[in-house]
Amino acid sequence: MTAVTIPILPSNDFNETSRFFGALGFGEVGRWPAAYLILEHRAGIELHFFSSPRLEAASNDHGAYVRFPTASEVDDLYAGWVGIDLSPGRLTDPSDTDYGLREFALLDSMLNLIRVGGHLPT
């Protein structure tokens, strides 16, 4: 049996969410106005968003973790994203953890936290 976990994050503006993630290579797979948005990246990342008109980015505490099998995949994704203007979101530099992963973080324009990681070579 194989399972896939897909995060469901809030958005107070689907047009803004689609624009932000579109700059990172995501495309819309489905949109139900005032209800739901599905985005997909060619690296296999799928993100779902629910409509949250009252969401205030400063108090948003939602997040997701995207894990790749290897740190090199994390580096490849980061290299494709690092030069993009993400304001008001932001991207952190990758770093190696003491628990064996290389990770970086992406904050989108709604300040949803998306951490990306992959296993370091052993």
PDB file of N, CA and C in Angstrom:
ATOM      1  N   MET A   1       0.841  -1.176   0.000  1.00  0.00           N
ATOM      2  CA  MET A   1       0.000   0.000   0.000  1.00  0.00           C
ATOM      3  C   MET A   1       0.889   1.242   0.000  1.00  0.00           C
ATOM      4  N   THR A   2       0.525   2.224  -0.805  1.00  0.00           N
ATOM      5  CA  THR A   2       1.261   3.483  -0.885  1.00  0.00           C
ATOM      6  C   THR A   2       0.319   4.626  -0.558  1.00  0.00           C
ATOM      7  N   ALA A   3       0.806   5.552   0.247  1.00  0.00           N
ATOM      8  CA  ALA A   3      -0.001   6.715   0.627  1.00  0.00           C
ATOM      9  C   ALA A   3       0.745   7.987   0.260  1.00  0.00           C
ATOM     10  N   VAL A   4       0.005   9.030  -0.018  1.00  0.00           N
ATOM     11  CA  VAL A   4       0.555  10.350  -0.278  1.00  0.00           C
ATOM     12  C   VAL A   4      -0.162  11.321   0.647  1.00  0.00           C
ATOM     13  N   THR A   5       0.602  12.159   1.317  1.00  0.00           N
ATOM     14  CA  THR A   5       0.026  13.178   2.178  1.00  0.00           C
ATOM     15  C   THR A   5       0.116  14.517   1.454  1.00  0.00           C
ATOM     16  N   ILE A   6      -0.998  15.221   1.402  1.00  0.00           N
ATOM     17  CA  ILE A   6      -1.043  16.512   0.723  1.00  0.00           C
ATOM     18  C   ILE A   6      -1.523  17.565   1.716  1.00  0.00           C
ATOM     19  N   PRO A   7      -0.707  18.595   1.943  1.00  0.00           N
ATOM     20  CA  PRO A   7      -1.127  19.635   2.881  1.00  0.00           C
ATOM     21  C   PRO A   7      -2.278  20.466   2.329  1.00  0.00           C
ATOM     22  N   ILE A   8      -3.102  20.943   3.226  1.00  0.00           N
ATOM     23  CA  ILE A   8      -4.189  21.860   2.893  1.00  0.00           C
ATOM     24  C   ILE A   8      -3.941  23.130   3.700  1.00  0.00           C
ATOM     25  N   LEU A   9      -3.640  24.204   2.996  1.00  0.00           N
ATOM     26  CA  LEU A   9      -3.234  25.458   3.611  1.00  0.00           C
ATOM     27  C   LEU A   9      -4.263  26.547   3.338  1.00  0.00           C
ATOM     28  N   PRO A  10      -4.309  27.575   4.180  1.00  0.00           N
ATOM     29  CA  PRO A  10      -5.266  28.658   3.957  1.00  0.00           C
ATOM     30  C   PRO A  10      -4.773  29.691   2.950  1.00  0.00           C
ATOM     31  N   SER A  11      -5.718  30.305   2.282  1.00  0.00           N
ATOM     32  CA  SER A  11      -5.432  31.423   1.383  1.00  0.00           C
ATOM     33  C   SER A  11      -6.588  32.415   1.468  1.00  0.00           C
ATOM     34  N   ASN A  12      -6.267  33.701   1.577  1.00  0.00           N
ATOM     35  CA  ASN A  12      -7.328  34.711   1.561  1.00  0.00           C
ATOM     36  C   ASN A  12      -7.491  35.325   0.170  1.00  0.00           C
ATOM     37  N   ASP A  13      -6.685  34.827  -0.807  1.00  0.00           N
ATOM     38  CA  ASP A  13      -6.766  35.352  -2.165  1.00  0.00           C
ATOM     39  C   ASP A  13      -6.171  34.321  -3.118  1.00  0.00           C
ATOM     40  N   PHE A  14      -7.020  33.537  -3.771  1.00  0.00           N
ATOM     41  CA  PHE A  14      -6.536  32.489  -4.669  1.00  0.00           C
ATOM     42  C   PHE A  14      -5.723  33.047  -5.836  1.00  0.00           C
ATOM     43  N   ASN A  15      -6.069  34.237  -6.315  1.00  0.00           N
ATOM     44  CA  ASN A  15      -5.291  34.829  -7.406  1.00  0.00           C
ATOM     45  C   ASN A  15      -3.858  35.095  -6.950  1.00  0.00           C
ATOM     46  N   GLU A  16      -3.700  35.641  -5.752  1.00  0.00           N
ATOM     47  CA  GLU A  16      -2.366  35.911  -5.206  1.00  0.00           C
ATOM     48  C   GLU A  16      -1.612  34.609  -4.958  1.00  0.00           C
ATOM     49  N   THR A  17      -2.272  33.626  -4.393  1.00  0.00           N
ATOM     50  CA  THR A  17      -1.626  32.330  -4.128  1.00  0.00           C
ATOM     51  C   THR A  17      -1.164  31.690  -5.432  1.00  0.00           C
ATOM     52  N   SER A  18      -2.002  31.719  -6.449  1.00  0.00           N
ATOM     53  CA  SER A  18      -1.646  31.155  -7.743  1.00  0.00           C
ATOM     54  C   SER A  18      -0.489  31.927  -8.381  1.00  0.00           C
ATOM     55  N   ARG A  19      -0.491  33.238  -8.258  1.00  0.00           N
ATOM     56  CA  ARG A  19       0.601  34.060  -8.791  1.00  0.00           C
ATOM     57  C   ARG A  19       1.915  33.731  -8.096  1.00  0.00           C
ATOM     58  N   PHE A  20       1.873  33.701  -6.770  1.00  0.00           N
ATOM     59  CA  PHE A  20       3.084  33.435  -5.984  1.00  0.00           C
ATOM     60  C   PHE A  20       3.689  32.093  -6.365  1.00  0.00           C
ATOM     61  N   PHE A  21       2.875  31.056  -6.311  1.00  0.00           N
ATOM     62  CA  PHE A  21       3.397  29.722  -6.589  1.00  0.00           C
ATOM     63  C   PHE A  21       3.656  29.498  -8.077  1.00  0.00           C
ATOM     64  N   GLY A  22       2.955  30.223  -8.933  1.00  0.00           N
ATOM     65  CA  GLY A  22       3.228  30.154 -10.363  1.00  0.00           C
ATOM     66  C   GLY A  22       4.647  30.586 -10.678  1.00  0.00           C
ATOM     67  N   ALA A  23       5.137  31.603  -9.969  1.00  0.00           N
ATOM     68  CA  ALA A  23       6.510  32.069 -10.157  1.00  0.00           C
ATOM     69  C   ALA A  23       7.526  30.993  -9.775  1.00  0.00           C
ATOM     70  N   LEU A  24       7.105  30.050  -8.933  1.00  0.00           N
ATOM     71  CA  LEU A  24       7.976  28.961  -8.491  1.00  0.00           C
ATOM     72  C   LEU A  24       7.808  27.701  -9.340  1.00  0.00           C
ATOM     73  N   GLY A  25       6.991  27.787 -10.386  1.00  0.00           N
ATOM     74  CA  GLY A  25       6.825  26.643 -11.274  1.00  0.00           C
ATOM     75  C   GLY A  25       5.610  25.785 -11.005  1.00  0.00           C
ATOM     76  N   PHE A  26       4.705  26.240 -10.145  1.00  0.00           N
ATOM     77  CA  PHE A  26       3.470  25.502  -9.878  1.00  0.00           C
ATOM     78  C   PHE A  26       2.408  25.923 -10.890  1.00  0.00           C
ATOM     79  N   GLY A  27       1.560  24.984 -11.244  1.00  0.00           N
ATOM     80  CA  GLY A  27       0.430  25.281 -12.103  1.00  0.00           C
ATOM     81  C   GLY A  27      -0.864  24.890 -11.422  1.00  0.00           C
ATOM     82  N   GLU A  28      -1.921  25.567 -11.800  1.00  0.00           N
ATOM     83  CA  GLU A  28      -3.234  25.224 -11.249  1.00  0.00           C
ATOM     84  C   GLU A  28      -3.728  23.920 -11.856  1.00  0.00           C
ATOM     85  N   VAL A  29      -4.214  23.043 -10.989  1.00  0.00           N
ATOM     86  CA  VAL A  29      -4.812  21.786 -11.421  1.00  0.00           C
ATOM     87  C   VAL A  29      -6.331  21.856 -11.252  1.00  0.00           C
ATOM     88  N   GLY A  30      -6.768  22.657 -10.307  1.00  0.00           N
ATOM     89  CA  GLY A  30      -8.195  22.839 -10.083  1.00  0.00           C
ATOM     90  C   GLY A  30      -8.454  24.066  -9.240  1.00  0.00           C
ATOM     91  N   ARG A  31      -9.573  24.727  -9.524  1.00  0.00           N
ATOM     92  CA  ARG A  31      -9.967  25.894  -8.735  1.00  0.00           C
ATOM     93  C   ARG A  31     -11.477  25.909  -8.628  1.00  0.00           C
ATOM     94  N   TRP A  32     -11.939  26.047  -7.403  1.00  0.00           N
ATOM     95  CA  TRP A  32     -13.349  26.211  -7.105  1.00  0.00           C
ATOM     96  C   TRP A  32     -13.450  27.537  -6.361  1.00  0.00           C
ATOM     97  N   PRO A  33     -13.902  28.604  -7.056  1.00  0.00           N
ATOM     98  CA  PRO A  33     -13.899  29.944  -6.474  1.00  0.00           C
ATOM     99  C   PRO A  33     -14.549  29.980  -5.091  1.00  0.00           C
ATOM    100  N   ALA A  34     -13.889  30.721  -4.223  1.00  0.00           N
ATOM    101  CA  ALA A  34     -14.343  30.906  -2.833  1.00  0.00           C
ATOM    102  C   ALA A  34     -14.405  29.595  -2.064  1.00  0.00           C
ATOM    103  N   ALA A  35     -13.706  28.543  -2.548  1.00  0.00           N
ATOM    104  CA  ALA A  35     -13.739  27.269  -1.844  1.00  0.00           C
ATOM    105  C   ALA A  35     -12.364  26.591  -1.789  1.00  0.00           C
ATOM    106  N   TYR A  36     -11.761  26.291  -2.955  1.00  0.00           N
ATOM    107  CA  TYR A  36     -10.606  25.397  -2.964  1.00  0.00           C
ATOM    108  C   TYR A  36      -9.727  25.650  -4.180  1.00  0.00           C
ATOM    109  N   LEU A  37      -8.405  25.463  -3.996  1.00  0.00           N
ATOM    110  CA  LEU A  37      -7.426  25.642  -5.059  1.00  0.00           C
ATOM    111  C   LEU A  37      -6.407  24.512  -4.957  1.00  0.00           C
ATOM    112  N   ILE A  38      -6.054  23.900  -6.095  1.00  0.00           N
ATOM    113  CA  ILE A  38      -5.039  22.843  -6.124  1.00  0.00           C
ATOM    114  C   ILE A  38      -3.932  23.272  -7.069  1.00  0.00           C
ATOM    115  N   LEU A  39      -2.692  23.221  -6.571  1.00  0.00           N
ATOM    116  CA  LEU A  39      -1.511  23.562  -7.357  1.00  0.00           C
ATOM    117  C   LEU A  39      -0.568  22.367  -7.394  1.00  0.00           C
ATOM    118  N   GLU A  40       0.167  22.249  -8.511  1.00  0.00           N
ATOM    119  CA  GLU A  40       1.092  21.128  -8.648  1.00  0.00           C
ATOM    120  C   GLU A  40       2.384  21.606  -9.291  1.00  0.00           C
ATOM    121  N   HIS A  41       3.500  21.064  -8.806  1.00  0.00           N
ATOM    122  CA  HIS A  41       4.830  21.378  -9.322  1.00  0.00           C
ATOM    123  C   HIS A  41       5.384  20.152 -10.030  1.00  0.00           C
ATOM    124  N   ARG A  42       6.178  20.360 -11.070  1.00  0.00           N
ATOM    125  CA  ARG A  42       6.723  19.236 -11.843  1.00  0.00           C
ATOM    126  C   ARG A  42       7.595  18.300 -11.004  1.00  0.00           C
ATOM    127  N   ALA A  43       8.065  18.755  -9.847  1.00  0.00           N
ATOM    128  CA  ALA A  43       8.859  17.904  -8.959  1.00  0.00           C
ATOM    129  C   ALA A  43       7.979  16.944  -8.157  1.00  0.00           C
ATOM    130  N   GLY A  44       6.666  16.996  -8.398  1.00  0.00           N
ATOM    131  CA  GLY A  44       5.758  16.093  -7.690  1.00  0.00           C
ATOM    132  C   GLY A  44       5.127  16.683  -6.446  1.00  0.00           C
ATOM    133  N   ILE A  45       5.331  17.962  -6.206  1.00  0.00           N
ATOM    134  CA  ILE A  45       4.748  18.615  -5.027  1.00  0.00           C
ATOM    135  C   ILE A  45       3.334  19.064  -5.375  1.00  0.00           C
ATOM    136  N   GLU A  46       2.384  18.672  -4.555  1.00  0.00           N
ATOM    137  CA  GLU A  46       1.002  19.112  -4.722  1.00  0.00           C
ATOM    138  C   GLU A  46       0.579  19.836  -3.456  1.00  0.00           C
ATOM    139  N   LEU A  47       0.032  21.016  -3.617  1.00  0.00           N
ATOM    140  CA  LEU A  47      -0.445  21.826  -2.500  1.00  0.00           C
ATOM    141  C   LEU A  47      -1.914  22.148  -2.722  1.00  0.00           C
ATOM    142  N   HIS A  48      -2.689  22.033  -1.661  1.00  0.00           N
ATOM    143  CA  HIS A  48      -4.103  22.395  -1.699  1.00  0.00           C
ATOM    144  C   HIS A  48      -4.307  23.595  -0.789  1.00  0.00           C
ATOM    145  N   PHE A  49      -5.229  24.461  -1.177  1.00  0.00           N
ATOM    146  CA  PHE A  49      -5.544  25.657  -0.402  1.00  0.00           C
ATOM    147  C   PHE A  49      -7.046  25.774  -0.220  1.00  0.00           C
ATOM    148  N   PHE A  50      -7.453  26.110   0.990  1.00  0.00           N
ATOM    149  CA  PHE A  50      -8.867  26.384   1.240  1.00  0.00           C
ATOM    150  C   PHE A  50      -9.058  27.884   1.388  1.00  0.00           C
ATOM    151  N   SER A  51     -10.224  28.348   1.012  1.00  0.00           N
ATOM    152  CA  SER A  51     -10.523  29.766   1.098  1.00  0.00           C
ATOM    153  C   SER A  51     -10.679  30.180   2.560  1.00  0.00           C
ATOM    154  N   SER A  52      -9.935  31.197   2.939  1.00  0.00           N
ATOM    155  CA  SER A  52      -9.984  31.727   4.297  1.00  0.00           C
ATOM    156  C   SER A  52      -9.946  33.254   4.211  1.00  0.00           C
ATOM    157  N   PRO A  53     -11.094  33.866   3.855  1.00  0.00           N
ATOM    158  CA  PRO A  53     -11.123  35.312   3.605  1.00  0.00           C
ATOM    159  C   PRO A  53     -10.637  36.165   4.773  1.00  0.00           C
ATOM    160  N   ARG A  54     -10.763  35.690   5.980  1.00  0.00           N
ATOM    161  CA  ARG A  54     -10.361  36.481   7.151  1.00  0.00           C
ATOM    162  C   ARG A  54      -8.924  36.220   7.589  1.00  0.00           C
ATOM    163  N   LEU A  55      -8.209  35.381   6.847  1.00  0.00           N
ATOM    164  CA  LEU A  55      -6.829  35.063   7.198  1.00  0.00           C
ATOM    165  C   LEU A  55      -5.980  36.324   7.227  1.00  0.00           C
ATOM    166  N   GLU A  56      -5.250  36.505   8.319  1.00  0.00           N
ATOM    167  CA  GLU A  56      -4.274  37.584   8.429  1.00  0.00           C
ATOM    168  C   GLU A  56      -2.908  36.931   8.489  1.00  0.00           C
ATOM    169  N   ALA A  57      -2.081  37.249   7.502  1.00  0.00           N
ATOM    170  CA  ALA A  57      -0.793  36.591   7.372  1.00  0.00           C
ATOM    171  C   ALA A  57       0.022  36.633   8.671  1.00  0.00           C
ATOM    172  N   ALA A  58      -0.005  37.743   9.367  1.00  0.00           N
ATOM    173  CA  ALA A  58       0.805  37.896  10.574  1.00  0.00           C
ATOM    174  C   ALA A  58       0.468  36.878  11.655  1.00  0.00           C
ATOM    175  N   SER A  59      -0.739  36.345  11.631  1.00  0.00           N
ATOM    176  CA  SER A  59      -1.123  35.360  12.661  1.00  0.00           C
ATOM    177  C   SER A  59      -1.301  33.958  12.087  1.00  0.00           C
ATOM    178  N   ASN A  60      -0.882  33.750  10.844  1.00  0.00           N
ATOM    179  CA  ASN A  60      -1.015  32.436  10.220  1.00  0.00           C
ATOM    180  C   ASN A  60      -0.018  31.462  10.837  1.00  0.00           C
ATOM    181  N   ASP A  61      -0.509  30.314  11.292  1.00  0.00           N
ATOM    182  CA  ASP A  61       0.370  29.309  11.891  1.00  0.00           C
ATOM    183  C   ASP A  61       0.289  27.966  11.167  1.00  0.00           C
ATOM    184  N   HIS A  62      -0.050  27.990   9.884  1.00  0.00           N
ATOM    185  CA  HIS A  62      -0.146  26.756   9.100  1.00  0.00           C
ATOM    186  C   HIS A  62       1.182  26.451   8.424  1.00  0.00           C
ATOM    187  N   GLY A  63       1.429  25.166   8.209  1.00  0.00           N
ATOM    188  CA  GLY A  63       2.663  24.769   7.551  1.00  0.00           C
ATOM    189  C   GLY A  63       2.583  23.371   6.991  1.00  0.00           C
ATOM    190  N   ALA A  64       3.610  23.018   6.241  1.00  0.00           N
ATOM    191  CA  ALA A  64       3.704  21.698   5.625  1.00  0.00           C
ATOM    192  C   ALA A  64       5.178  21.342   5.477  1.00  0.00           C
ATOM    193  N   TYR A  65       5.437  20.061   5.337  1.00  0.00           N
ATOM    194  CA  TYR A  65       6.805  19.588   5.113  1.00  0.00           C
ATOM    195  C   TYR A  65       6.816  18.775   3.832  1.00  0.00           C
ATOM    196  N   VAL A  66       7.768  19.083   2.955  1.00  0.00           N
ATOM    197  CA  VAL A  66       7.961  18.343   1.709  1.00  0.00           C
ATOM    198  C   VAL A  66       9.317  17.652   1.823  1.00  0.00           C
ATOM    199  N   ARG A  67       9.315  16.321   1.785  1.00  0.00           N
ATOM    200  CA  ARG A  67      10.584  15.602   1.920  1.00  0.00           C
ATOM    201  C   ARG A  67      10.914  14.845   0.651  1.00  0.00           C
ATOM    202  N   PHE A  68      12.127  15.063   0.185  1.00  0.00           N
ATOM    203  CA  PHE A  68      12.671  14.337  -0.948  1.00  0.00           C
ATOM    204  C   PHE A  68      13.556  13.209  -0.436  1.00  0.00           C
ATOM    205  N   PRO A  69      13.794  12.206  -1.256  1.00  0.00           N
ATOM    206  CA  PRO A  69      14.687  11.127  -0.832  1.00  0.00           C
ATOM    207  C   PRO A  69      16.131  11.583  -0.611  1.00  0.00           C
ATOM    208  N   THR A  70      16.590  12.593  -1.372  1.00  0.00           N
ATOM    209  CA  THR A  70      17.995  12.996  -1.275  1.00  0.00           C
ATOM    210  C   THR A  70      18.158  14.501  -1.115  1.00  0.00           C
ATOM    211  N   ALA A  71      19.283  14.871  -0.518  1.00  0.00           N
ATOM    212  CA  ALA A  71      19.621  16.286  -0.357  1.00  0.00           C
ATOM    213  C   ALA A  71      19.866  16.948  -1.712  1.00  0.00           C
ATOM    214  N   SER A  72      20.356  16.202  -2.683  1.00  0.00           N
ATOM    215  CA  SER A  72      20.617  16.805  -3.996  1.00  0.00           C
ATOM    216  C   SER A  72      19.323  17.278  -4.659  1.00  0.00           C
ATOM    217  N   GLU A  73      18.211  16.601  -4.418  1.00  0.00           N
ATOM    218  CA  GLU A  73      16.919  17.052  -4.949  1.00  0.00           C
ATOM    219  C   GLU A  73      16.489  18.360  -4.280  1.00  0.00           C
ATOM    220  N   VAL A  74      16.785  18.478  -3.002  1.00  0.00           N
ATOM    221  CA  VAL A  74      16.510  19.721  -2.271  1.00  0.00           C
ATOM    222  C   VAL A  74      17.336  20.854  -2.873  1.00  0.00           C
ATOM    223  N   ASP A  75      18.617  20.582  -3.123  1.00  0.00           N
ATOM    224  CA  ASP A  75      19.489  21.593  -3.722  1.00  0.00           C
ATOM    225  C   ASP A  75      18.989  22.009  -5.102  1.00  0.00           C
ATOM    226  N   ASP A  76      18.538  21.049  -5.907  1.00  0.00           N
ATOM    227  CA  ASP A  76      18.033  21.354  -7.244  1.00  0.00           C
ATOM    228  C   ASP A  76      16.802  22.262  -7.182  1.00  0.00           C
ATOM    229  N   LEU A  77      15.869  21.936  -6.282  1.00  0.00           N
ATOM    230  CA  LEU A  77      14.666  22.756  -6.149  1.00  0.00           C
ATOM    231  C   LEU A  77      15.031  24.157  -5.680  1.00  0.00           C
ATOM    232  N   TYR A  78      15.883  24.240  -4.669  1.00  0.00           N
ATOM    233  CA  TYR A  78      16.316  25.534  -4.148  1.00  0.00           C
ATOM    234  C   TYR A  78      16.981  26.375  -5.247  1.00  0.00           C
ATOM    235  N   ALA A  79      17.841  25.750  -6.043  1.00  0.00           N
ATOM    236  CA  ALA A  79      18.537  26.470  -7.115  1.00  0.00           C
ATOM    237  C   ALA A  79      17.549  27.075  -8.112  1.00  0.00           C
ATOM    238  N   GLY A  80      16.423  26.412  -8.334  1.00  0.00           N
ATOM    239  CA  GLY A  80      15.413  26.951  -9.236  1.00  0.00           C
ATOM    240  C   GLY A  80      14.577  28.058  -8.628  1.00  0.00           C
ATOM    241  N   TRP A  81      14.584  28.160  -7.320  1.00  0.00           N
ATOM    242  CA  TRP A  81      13.753  29.151  -6.631  1.00  0.00           C
ATOM    243  C   TRP A  81      14.526  30.345  -6.099  1.00  0.00           C
ATOM    244  N   VAL A  82      15.829  30.213  -5.893  1.00  0.00           N
ATOM    245  CA  VAL A  82      16.593  31.208  -5.143  1.00  0.00           C
ATOM    246  C   VAL A  82      16.600  32.595  -5.765  1.00  0.00           C
ATOM    247  N   GLY A  83      16.535  32.750  -7.056  1.00  0.00           N
ATOM    248  CA  GLY A  83      16.615  34.076  -7.655  1.00  0.00           C
ATOM    249  C   GLY A  83      15.292  34.764  -7.863  1.00  0.00           C
ATOM    250  N   ILE A  84      14.202  34.170  -7.411  1.00  0.00           N
ATOM    251  CA  ILE A  84      12.866  34.701  -7.665  1.00  0.00           C
ATOM    252  C   ILE A  84      12.469  35.684  -6.567  1.00  0.00           C
ATOM    253  N   ASP A  85      11.896  36.822  -6.962  1.00  0.00           N
ATOM    254  CA  ASP A  85      11.394  37.788  -5.979  1.00  0.00           C
ATOM    255  C   ASP A  85      10.125  37.224  -5.359  1.00  0.00           C
ATOM    256  N   LEU A  86      10.186  36.876  -4.087  1.00  0.00           N
ATOM    257  CA  LEU A  86       9.074  36.242  -3.388  1.00  0.00           C
ATOM    258  C   LEU A  86       8.346  37.187  -2.443  1.00  0.00           C
ATOM    259  N   SER A  87       8.685  38.454  -2.472  1.00  0.00           N
ATOM    260  CA  SER A  87       8.090  39.420  -1.556  1.00  0.00           C
ATOM    261  C   SER A  87       6.567  39.427  -1.695  1.00  0.00           C
ATOM    262  N   PRO A  88       5.815  39.347  -0.618  1.00  0.00           N
ATOM    263  CA  PRO A  88       6.208  39.442   0.776  1.00  0.00           C
ATOM    264  C   PRO A  88       6.616  38.116   1.411  1.00  0.00           C
ATOM    265  N   GLY A  89       6.663  37.048   0.637  1.00  0.00           N
ATOM    266  CA  GLY A  89       7.169  35.773   1.157  1.00  0.00           C
ATOM    267  C   GLY A  89       8.688  35.794   1.189  1.00  0.00           C
ATOM    268  N   ARG A  90       9.273  34.668   1.570  1.00  0.00           N
ATOM    269  CA  ARG A  90      10.733  34.598   1.591  1.00  0.00           C
ATOM    270  C   ARG A  90      11.215  33.151   1.601  1.00  0.00           C
ATOM    271  N   LEU A  91      12.481  32.996   1.282  1.00  0.00           N
ATOM    272  CA  LEU A  91      13.127  31.700   1.182  1.00  0.00           C
ATOM    273  C   LEU A  91      14.367  31.732   2.063  1.00  0.00           C
ATOM    274  N   THR A  92      14.580  30.692   2.858  1.00  0.00           N
ATOM    275  CA  THR A  92      15.806  30.609   3.657  1.00  0.00           C
ATOM    276  C   THR A  92      16.837  29.776   2.906  1.00  0.00           C
ATOM    277  N   ASP A  93      18.084  29.961   3.237  1.00  0.00           N
ATOM    278  CA  ASP A  93      19.151  29.153   2.647  1.00  0.00           C
ATOM    279  C   ASP A  93      19.081  27.729   3.188  1.00  0.00           C
ATOM    280  N   PRO A  94      19.468  26.749   2.372  1.00  0.00           N
ATOM    281  CA  PRO A  94      19.512  25.375   2.867  1.00  0.00           C
ATOM    282  C   PRO A  94      20.600  25.216   3.929  1.00  0.00           C
ATOM    283  N   SER A  95      20.347  24.316   4.864  1.00  0.00           N
ATOM    284  CA  SER A  95      21.359  23.990   5.867  1.00  0.00           C
ATOM    285  C   SER A  95      21.232  22.514   6.216  1.00  0.00           C
ATOM    286  N   ASP A  96      22.342  21.949   6.646  1.00  0.00           N
ATOM    287  CA  ASP A  96      22.362  20.547   7.056  1.00  0.00           C
ATOM    288  C   ASP A  96      22.029  20.464   8.539  1.00  0.00           C
ATOM    289  N   THR A  97      21.147  19.531   8.877  1.00  0.00           N
ATOM    290  CA  THR A  97      20.716  19.375  10.266  1.00  0.00           C
ATOM    291  C   THR A  97      21.517  18.276  10.946  1.00  0.00           C
ATOM    292  N   ASP A  98      21.469  18.266  12.275  1.00  0.00           N
ATOM    293  CA  ASP A  98      22.132  17.197  13.016  1.00  0.00           C
ATOM    294  C   ASP A  98      21.317  15.904  12.985  1.00  0.00           C
ATOM    295  N   TYR A  99      20.132  15.933  12.390  1.00  0.00           N
ATOM    296  CA  TYR A  99      19.322  14.724  12.262  1.00  0.00           C
ATOM    297  C   TYR A  99      19.338  14.168  10.840  1.00  0.00           C
ATOM    298  N   GLY A 100      20.347  14.573  10.040  1.00  0.00           N
ATOM    299  CA  GLY A 100      20.610  13.918   8.777  1.00  0.00           C
ATOM    300  C   GLY A 100      19.863  14.405   7.557  1.00  0.00           C
ATOM    301  N   LEU A 101      19.337  15.626   7.611  1.00  0.00           N
ATOM    302  CA  LEU A 101      18.620  16.178   6.460  1.00  0.00           C
ATOM    303  C   LEU A 101      19.213  17.521   6.053  1.00  0.00           C
ATOM    304  N   ARG A 102      19.121  17.844   4.780  1.00  0.00           N
ATOM    305  CA  ARG A 102      19.371  19.206   4.310  1.00  0.00           C
ATOM    306  C   ARG A 102      17.997  19.826   4.150  1.00  0.00           C
ATOM    307  N   GLU A 103      17.797  21.036   4.697  1.00  0.00           N
ATOM    308  CA  GLU A 103      16.472  21.658   4.691  1.00  0.00           C
ATOM    309  C   GLU A 103      16.564  23.147   4.359  1.00  0.00           C
ATOM    310  N   PHE A 104      15.467  23.640   3.782  1.00  0.00           N
ATOM    311  CA  PHE A 104      15.257  25.075   3.667  1.00  0.00           C
ATOM    312  C   PHE A 104      13.778  25.337   3.901  1.00  0.00           C
ATOM    313  N   ALA A 105      13.435  26.607   4.085  1.00  0.00           N
ATOM    314  CA  ALA A 105      12.047  26.972   4.342  1.00  0.00           C
ATOM    315  C   ALA A 105      11.582  28.016   3.339  1.00  0.00           C
ATOM    316  N   LEU A 106      10.327  27.892   2.974  1.00  0.00           N
ATOM    317  CA  LEU A 106       9.647  28.852   2.105  1.00  0.00           C
ATOM    318  C   LEU A 106       8.452  29.388   2.880  1.00  0.00           C
ATOM    319  N   LEU A 107       8.348  30.696   2.948  1.00  0.00           N
ATOM    320  CA  LEU A 107       7.150  31.348   3.472  1.00  0.00           C
ATOM    321  C   LEU A 107       6.450  31.964   2.280  1.00  0.00           C
ATOM    322  N   ASP A 108       5.186  31.575   2.054  1.00  0.00           N
ATOM    323  CA  ASP A 108       4.464  32.136   0.916  1.00  0.00           C
ATOM    324  C   ASP A 108       3.891  33.506   1.280  1.00  0.00           C
ATOM    325  N   SER A 109       3.158  34.091   0.373  1.00  0.00           N
ATOM    326  CA  SER A 109       2.640  35.446   0.600  1.00  0.00           C
ATOM    327  C   SER A 109       1.585  35.507   1.699  1.00  0.00           C
ATOM    328  N   MET A 110       1.032  34.351   2.097  1.00  0.00           N
ATOM    329  CA  MET A 110       0.089  34.281   3.219  1.00  0.00           C
ATOM    330  C   MET A 110       0.817  33.889   4.509  1.00  0.00           C
ATOM    331  N   LEU A 111       2.151  33.724   4.409  1.00  0.00           N
ATOM    332  CA  LEU A 111       3.040  33.280   5.478  1.00  0.00           C
ATOM    333  C   LEU A 111       2.747  31.850   5.935  1.00  0.00           C
ATOM    334  N   ASN A 112       2.244  31.010   5.007  1.00  0.00           N
ATOM    335  CA  ASN A 112       2.251  29.569   5.235  1.00  0.00           C
ATOM    336  C   ASN A 112       3.704  29.119   5.183  1.00  0.00           C
ATOM    337  N   LEU A 113       4.119  28.301   6.136  1.00  0.00           N
ATOM    338  CA  LEU A 113       5.477  27.790   6.178  1.00  0.00           C
ATOM    339  C   LEU A 113       5.539  26.454   5.440  1.00  0.00           C
ATOM    340  N   ILE A 114       6.424  26.370   4.462  1.00  0.00           N
ATOM    341  CA  ILE A 114       6.654  25.113   3.753  1.00  0.00           C
ATOM    342  C   ILE A 114       8.132  24.790   3.895  1.00  0.00           C
ATOM    343  N   ARG A 115       8.414  23.756   4.675  1.00  0.00           N
ATOM    344  CA  ARG A 115       9.793  23.309   4.855  1.00  0.00           C
ATOM    345  C   ARG A 115      10.063  22.205   3.840  1.00  0.00           C
ATOM    346  N   VAL A 116      11.254  22.244   3.257  1.00  0.00           N
ATOM    347  CA  VAL A 116      11.651  21.267   2.248  1.00  0.00           C
ATOM    348  C   VAL A 116      12.930  20.605   2.729  1.00  0.00           C
ATOM    349  N   GLY A 117      12.969  19.279   2.695  1.00  0.00           N
ATOM    350  CA  GLY A 117      14.146  18.579   3.156  1.00  0.00           C
ATOM    351  C   GLY A 117      14.417  17.305   2.385  1.00  0.00           C
ATOM    352  N   GLY A 118      15.637  16.818   2.517  1.00  0.00           N
ATOM    353  CA  GLY A 118      16.044  15.562   1.900  1.00  0.00           C
ATOM    354  C   GLY A 118      17.205  14.968   2.664  1.00  0.00           C
ATOM    355  N   HIS A 119      17.328  13.655   2.605  1.00  0.00           N
ATOM    356  CA  HIS A 119      18.349  12.941   3.356  1.00  0.00           C
ATOM    357  C   HIS A 119      19.756  13.227   2.830  1.00  0.00           C
ATOM    358  N   LEU A 120      20.664  13.519   3.761  1.00  0.00           N
ATOM    359  CA  LEU A 120      22.072  13.714   3.428  1.00  0.00           C
ATOM    360  C   LEU A 120      22.704  12.362   3.102  1.00  0.00           C
ATOM    361  N   PRO A 121      23.738  12.346   2.258  1.00  0.00           N
ATOM    362  CA  PRO A 121      24.438  11.080   1.996  1.00  0.00           C
ATOM    363  C   PRO A 121      25.014  10.512   3.291  1.00  0.00           C
ATOM    364  N   THR A 122      24.992   9.209   3.398  1.00  0.00           N
ATOM    365  CA  THR A 122      25.541   8.588   4.623  1.00  0.00           C
ATOM    366  C   THR A 122      26.961   8.125   4.413  1.00  0.00           C
TER     367      THR A 122
END
